[in-house]
Amino acid sequence: MILIVDDNDAIREMQVAVLESSNYSVRQAADGNTALALAAEQRPSLVLMDITMPGMTGYQVLDRLRELYGNALPIVMVSALPEDEERDIALAKGATDYMSKPFDIPSVLRCVNKFLNDTVTA
């Protein structure tokens, strides 16, 4: 299962549609608390998560997910913040990778395929 976490409905729905059409199982959350609840119910295979969200930031959720699952869970931080600077911060805080917004469909699929085998639908 891929967990998409983003407070922007349009971006989240685009990612979900792209991944579901590629036969991936996807769950989605608009905030950090929902993301943590979903991740506690079922361990994701991959997390794509926005950094800037109301309430709990993506970095706070990242810390909690690392406590739950360690470094074995790939977590890709996603943001429209300046890429060079934010990528370094995200990786230093424990993210597996970083993806800049705006992104297109091929970028989302490349990111997912980087961490999951094409034949895996979990």
Protein backbone atom coordinates (compact mmCIF):
# COMPACT_ATOMS: atom_id res chain seq x y z
CA MET A 1 0.00 0.00 0.00
CA ILE A 2 1.21 3.47 -0.91
CA LEU A 3 0.23 6.24 1.50
CA ILE A 4 -0.28 9.70 -0.03
CA VAL A 5 -0.27 12.57 2.49
CA ASP A 6 -1.07 16.07 1.23
CA ASP A 7 -3.49 18.78 2.38
CA ASN A 8 -4.00 19.89 -1.24
CA ASP A 9 -6.97 17.84 -2.48
CA ALA A 10 -6.17 18.26 -6.19
CA ILE A 11 -2.56 17.12 -5.85
CA ARG A 12 -3.51 14.21 -3.60
CA GLU A 13 -6.30 13.06 -5.91
CA MET A 14 -4.02 13.26 -8.97
CA GLN A 15 -1.44 11.04 -7.29
CA VAL A 16 -4.11 8.58 -6.17
CA ALA A 17 -5.64 8.38 -9.66
CA VAL A 18 -2.26 7.86 -11.34
CA LEU A 19 -1.18 5.15 -8.93
CA GLU A 20 -4.51 3.32 -8.84
CA SER A 21 -4.58 3.29 -12.66
CA SER A 22 -1.17 1.61 -12.47
CA ASN A 23 -2.65 -1.07 -10.17
CA TYR A 24 -1.13 0.14 -6.92
CA SER A 25 -3.10 -0.05 -3.70
CA VAL A 26 -3.33 3.50 -2.33
CA ARG A 27 -4.57 5.13 0.87
CA GLN A 28 -4.72 8.88 1.32
CA ALA A 29 -4.66 11.41 4.13
CA ALA A 30 -5.12 15.18 4.15
CA ASP A 31 -3.29 15.67 7.46
CA GLY A 32 -0.64 14.17 9.69
CA ASN A 33 -2.93 12.65 12.29
CA THR A 34 -4.91 10.75 9.65
CA ALA A 35 -1.67 9.61 8.02
CA LEU A 36 -0.38 8.20 11.30
CA ALA A 37 -3.67 6.41 11.97
CA LEU A 38 -3.64 4.82 8.50
CA ALA A 39 0.02 3.83 8.84
CA ALA A 40 -0.69 2.24 12.22
CA GLU A 41 -3.55 0.18 10.71
CA GLN A 42 -1.43 -1.09 7.83
CA ARG A 43 2.27 -0.61 7.21
CA PRO A 44 2.70 1.25 3.93
CA SER A 45 5.19 0.07 1.31
CA LEU A 46 5.92 3.71 0.45
CA VAL A 47 4.87 7.15 1.71
CA LEU A 48 4.64 10.27 -0.49
CA MET A 49 4.17 13.19 1.90
CA ASP A 50 3.86 16.95 1.67
CA ILE A 51 6.08 18.94 4.02
CA THR A 52 3.86 21.96 4.65
CA MET A 53 0.52 20.93 6.15
CA PRO A 54 -1.69 22.48 8.82
CA GLY A 55 -1.41 21.11 12.34
CA MET A 56 1.34 18.55 12.07
CA THR A 57 4.08 19.17 9.49
CA GLY A 58 5.35 16.48 7.19
CA TYR A 59 8.60 16.46 9.15
CA GLN A 60 6.72 15.74 12.39
CA VAL A 61 4.90 12.85 10.70
CA LEU A 62 8.22 11.65 9.29
CA ASP A 63 9.66 11.47 12.82
CA ARG A 64 6.68 9.45 14.06
CA LEU A 65 6.77 7.07 11.09
CA ARG A 66 10.49 6.50 11.68
CA GLU A 67 9.67 5.62 15.32
CA LEU A 68 7.06 3.10 14.11
CA TYR A 69 8.87 1.52 11.16
CA GLY A 70 12.49 2.64 11.23
CA ASN A 71 14.43 3.34 8.06
CA ALA A 72 13.03 0.33 6.18
CA LEU A 73 9.96 2.36 5.13
CA PRO A 74 10.72 4.60 2.13
CA ILE A 75 9.35 8.10 2.76
CA VAL A 76 9.48 10.66 -0.04
CA MET A 77 8.92 14.24 1.04
CA VAL A 78 7.09 16.42 -1.49
CA SER A 79 7.11 20.21 -1.53
CA ALA A 80 6.90 23.39 -3.58
CA LEU A 81 9.57 24.94 -1.33
CA PRO A 82 12.93 25.76 -3.01
CA GLU A 83 14.31 22.39 -4.10
CA ASP A 84 18.04 22.57 -3.38
CA GLU A 85 17.66 23.82 0.17
CA GLU A 86 14.60 21.77 1.07
CA ARG A 87 15.96 18.53 -0.40
CA ASP A 88 19.01 18.76 1.88
CA ILE A 89 16.82 19.45 4.92
CA ALA A 90 14.44 16.58 4.11
CA LEU A 91 17.25 14.08 3.66
CA ALA A 92 18.98 15.28 6.84
CA LYS A 93 15.73 14.77 8.78
CA GLY A 94 15.47 11.16 7.61
CA ALA A 95 13.51 11.26 4.35
CA THR A 96 14.45 8.63 1.81
CA ASP A 97 14.03 11.03 -1.12
CA TYR A 98 12.51 14.36 -2.14
CA MET A 99 10.21 15.31 -5.02
CA SER A 100 9.48 18.90 -6.08
CA LYS A 101 6.05 20.31 -6.87
CA PRO A 102 4.71 20.82 -9.40
CA PHE A 103 5.26 17.35 -10.80
CA ASP A 104 3.78 15.44 -13.70
CA ILE A 105 2.43 11.90 -14.02
CA PRO A 106 5.69 10.37 -15.30
CA SER A 107 7.55 11.91 -12.35
CA VAL A 108 5.18 10.31 -9.85
CA LEU A 109 5.50 6.91 -11.53
CA ARG A 110 9.30 7.16 -11.72
CA CYS A 111 9.42 7.99 -8.03
CA VAL A 112 7.22 5.04 -7.07
CA ASN A 113 9.06 2.64 -9.38
CA LYS A 114 12.35 3.72 -7.82
CA PHE A 115 11.22 2.19 -4.52
CA LEU A 116 8.76 -0.51 -5.54
CA ASN A 117 9.10 -3.21 -8.17
CA ASP A 118 6.80 -2.72 -11.16
CA THR A 119 5.16 -6.07 -10.39
CA VAL A 120 4.34 -5.20 -6.77
CA THR A 121 0.89 -3.74 -6.13
CA ALA A 122 1.16 -3.34 -2.37
